[in-house]
Amino acid sequence: MTSPISSTADESGYSLVEVMVAIVVLTVAVVPMVGMFEAAIQAADASGDYDKARTCAVQKLEHMKSLPYEAVEGGLQGGVCAPSGFGYTITAQSIGTDLSDGSGEEGLSMITVTVDWGGENSYGVSGVVSRW
């Protein structure tokens, strides 16, 4: 007849030292992953801001392209994009054309829309508007 105490002594299991070593190893592995999650969240936020700025810039450029050439050539004002709240500036630069056989009414302007956010981030997009 065997006693219950001697049968449990023969069973193998984890010792306290093995459990403590496993906890230390897991801690060393998990702590850097927490930092990676924080970096991933910051990258996702930055990507969202970039997308908002790009959307604003493209919308403003398309709006400028829909205006008559004279309105674009006369100078443009910046403003604030809704709903992001990012500020934008619009610049128009005349592009020289050498069209000797033209009527003299031709004209080209390069429109650049720059959206700024966060004090150090910006996104710009350019397009051409013509009088023809």
Protein backbone atom coordinates (compact mmCIF):
# COMPACT_ATOMS: atom_id res chain seq x y z
CA MET A 1 0.00 0.00 0.00
CA THR A 2 1.35 3.38 -0.96
CA SER A 3 0.61 6.53 0.92
CA PRO A 4 -0.77 9.61 -0.88
CA ILE A 5 2.20 11.66 0.30
CA SER A 6 4.79 9.49 -1.38
CA SER A 7 2.85 9.40 -4.68
CA THR A 8 2.75 13.19 -4.91
CA ALA A 9 6.46 13.46 -4.16
CA ASP A 10 7.20 11.44 -7.30
CA GLU A 11 5.21 13.76 -9.57
CA SER A 12 7.21 16.34 -11.45
CA GLY A 13 6.23 20.02 -11.45
CA TYR A 14 7.63 23.49 -11.58
CA SER A 15 9.70 24.80 -8.75
CA LEU A 16 9.43 28.33 -7.45
CA VAL A 17 12.77 29.20 -9.05
CA GLU A 18 11.58 28.06 -12.48
CA VAL A 19 8.41 30.11 -12.17
CA MET A 20 10.39 33.21 -11.13
CA VAL A 21 12.78 32.81 -14.08
CA ALA A 22 9.83 32.50 -16.47
CA ILE A 23 8.27 35.69 -15.06
CA VAL A 24 11.55 37.60 -15.49
CA VAL A 25 11.95 36.38 -19.08
CA LEU A 26 8.37 37.38 -19.97
CA THR A 27 8.82 40.78 -18.34
CA VAL A 28 12.00 41.43 -20.33
CA ALA A 29 10.13 40.49 -23.52
CA VAL A 30 6.89 42.41 -22.84
CA VAL A 31 8.29 45.78 -21.67
CA PRO A 32 9.86 46.69 -25.07
CA MET A 33 6.60 45.73 -26.80
CA VAL A 34 4.74 48.35 -24.76
CA GLY A 35 7.09 50.98 -26.20
CA MET A 36 6.42 49.68 -29.69
CA PHE A 37 2.67 50.04 -29.18
CA GLU A 38 3.12 53.66 -28.12
CA ALA A 39 5.27 54.35 -31.20
CA ALA A 40 2.66 52.68 -33.42
CA ILE A 41 -0.12 54.84 -31.98
CA GLN A 42 1.94 58.00 -32.55
CA ALA A 43 2.65 56.92 -36.13
CA ALA A 44 -1.05 56.31 -36.75
CA ASP A 45 -1.91 59.78 -35.38
CA ALA A 46 0.75 61.39 -37.59
CA SER A 47 -0.57 59.50 -40.60
CA GLY A 48 -4.10 60.72 -39.90
CA ASP A 49 -2.88 64.33 -39.70
CA TYR A 50 -0.97 63.90 -42.97
CA ASP A 51 -4.11 62.56 -44.67
CA LYS A 52 -6.17 65.50 -43.40
CA ALA A 53 -3.56 67.97 -44.67
CA ARG A 54 -3.38 66.25 -48.06
CA THR A 55 -7.16 66.30 -48.40
CA CYS A 56 -7.32 69.99 -47.52
CA ALA A 57 -4.53 70.91 -49.94
CA VAL A 58 -6.06 69.00 -52.85
CA GLN A 59 -9.53 70.49 -52.19
CA LYS A 60 -8.15 74.03 -52.11
CA LEU A 61 -6.11 73.46 -55.27
CA GLU A 62 -9.13 72.09 -57.13
CA HIS A 63 -11.14 75.10 -55.95
CA MET A 64 -8.44 77.44 -57.32
CA LYS A 65 -8.45 75.60 -60.64
CA SER A 66 -12.19 76.16 -60.93
CA LEU A 67 -11.86 79.96 -60.58
CA PRO A 68 -11.40 82.31 -63.55
CA TYR A 69 -7.77 82.97 -64.43
CA GLU A 70 -8.02 86.64 -63.48
CA ALA A 71 -9.12 85.75 -59.93
CA VAL A 72 -6.19 83.40 -59.52
CA GLU A 73 -3.69 85.79 -61.08
CA GLY A 74 -4.73 88.65 -58.78
CA GLY A 75 -3.54 86.96 -55.61
CA LEU A 76 -5.11 84.54 -53.20
CA GLN A 77 -5.73 84.40 -49.49
CA GLY A 78 -4.98 81.58 -47.12
CA GLY A 79 -7.21 80.39 -44.35
CA VAL A 80 -8.06 77.48 -42.10
CA CYS A 81 -9.26 74.10 -43.30
CA ALA A 82 -12.46 72.79 -41.77
CA PRO A 83 -12.83 70.49 -39.82
CA SER A 84 -9.11 69.80 -39.21
CA GLY A 85 -8.25 73.37 -38.22
CA PHE A 86 -4.99 73.26 -40.19
CA GLY A 87 -3.86 76.56 -41.70
CA TYR A 88 -3.14 76.88 -45.40
CA THR A 89 -1.49 79.39 -47.71
CA ILE A 90 -1.93 79.77 -51.44
CA THR A 91 0.68 81.27 -53.73
CA ALA A 92 0.44 82.00 -57.43
CA GLN A 93 3.53 82.26 -59.60
CA SER A 94 3.34 83.37 -63.19
CA ILE A 95 4.95 80.96 -65.60
CA GLY A 96 6.65 82.58 -68.57
CA THR A 97 5.41 81.44 -71.93
CA ASP A 98 6.98 82.13 -75.26
CA LEU A 99 4.04 81.90 -77.60
CA SER A 100 5.01 84.22 -80.44
CA ASP A 101 2.01 83.26 -82.55
CA GLY A 102 -0.49 83.76 -79.71
CA SER A 103 -2.97 86.56 -79.35
CA GLY A 104 -1.32 87.99 -76.23
CA GLU A 105 -4.19 86.88 -74.02
CA GLU A 106 -2.47 83.67 -72.98
CA GLY A 107 -1.23 83.07 -69.48
CA LEU A 108 -0.10 80.36 -67.13
CA SER A 109 0.15 80.43 -63.36
CA MET A 110 1.46 77.80 -61.00
CA ILE A 111 -0.70 77.55 -57.90
CA THR A 112 0.87 76.09 -54.75
CA VAL A 113 -1.23 75.24 -51.70
CA THR A 114 0.73 74.59 -48.50
CA VAL A 115 -1.00 73.23 -45.39
CA ASP A 116 0.79 73.64 -42.05
CA TRP A 117 0.01 71.84 -38.80
CA GLY A 118 1.70 71.14 -35.51
CA GLY A 119 4.16 74.01 -35.91
CA GLU A 120 6.69 71.95 -37.85
CA ASN A 121 4.73 69.85 -40.33
CA SER A 122 3.58 70.90 -43.77
CA TYR A 123 2.24 69.43 -46.98
CA GLY A 124 2.24 71.17 -50.34
CA VAL A 125 0.64 70.50 -53.69
CA SER A 126 0.96 72.45 -56.95
CA GLY A 127 -1.03 72.76 -60.13
CA VAL A 128 -1.21 74.95 -63.22
CA VAL A 129 -4.02 77.29 -64.18
CA SER A 130 -4.22 78.67 -67.70
CA ARG A 131 -6.15 81.42 -69.39
CA TRP A 132 -6.66 79.51 -72.63
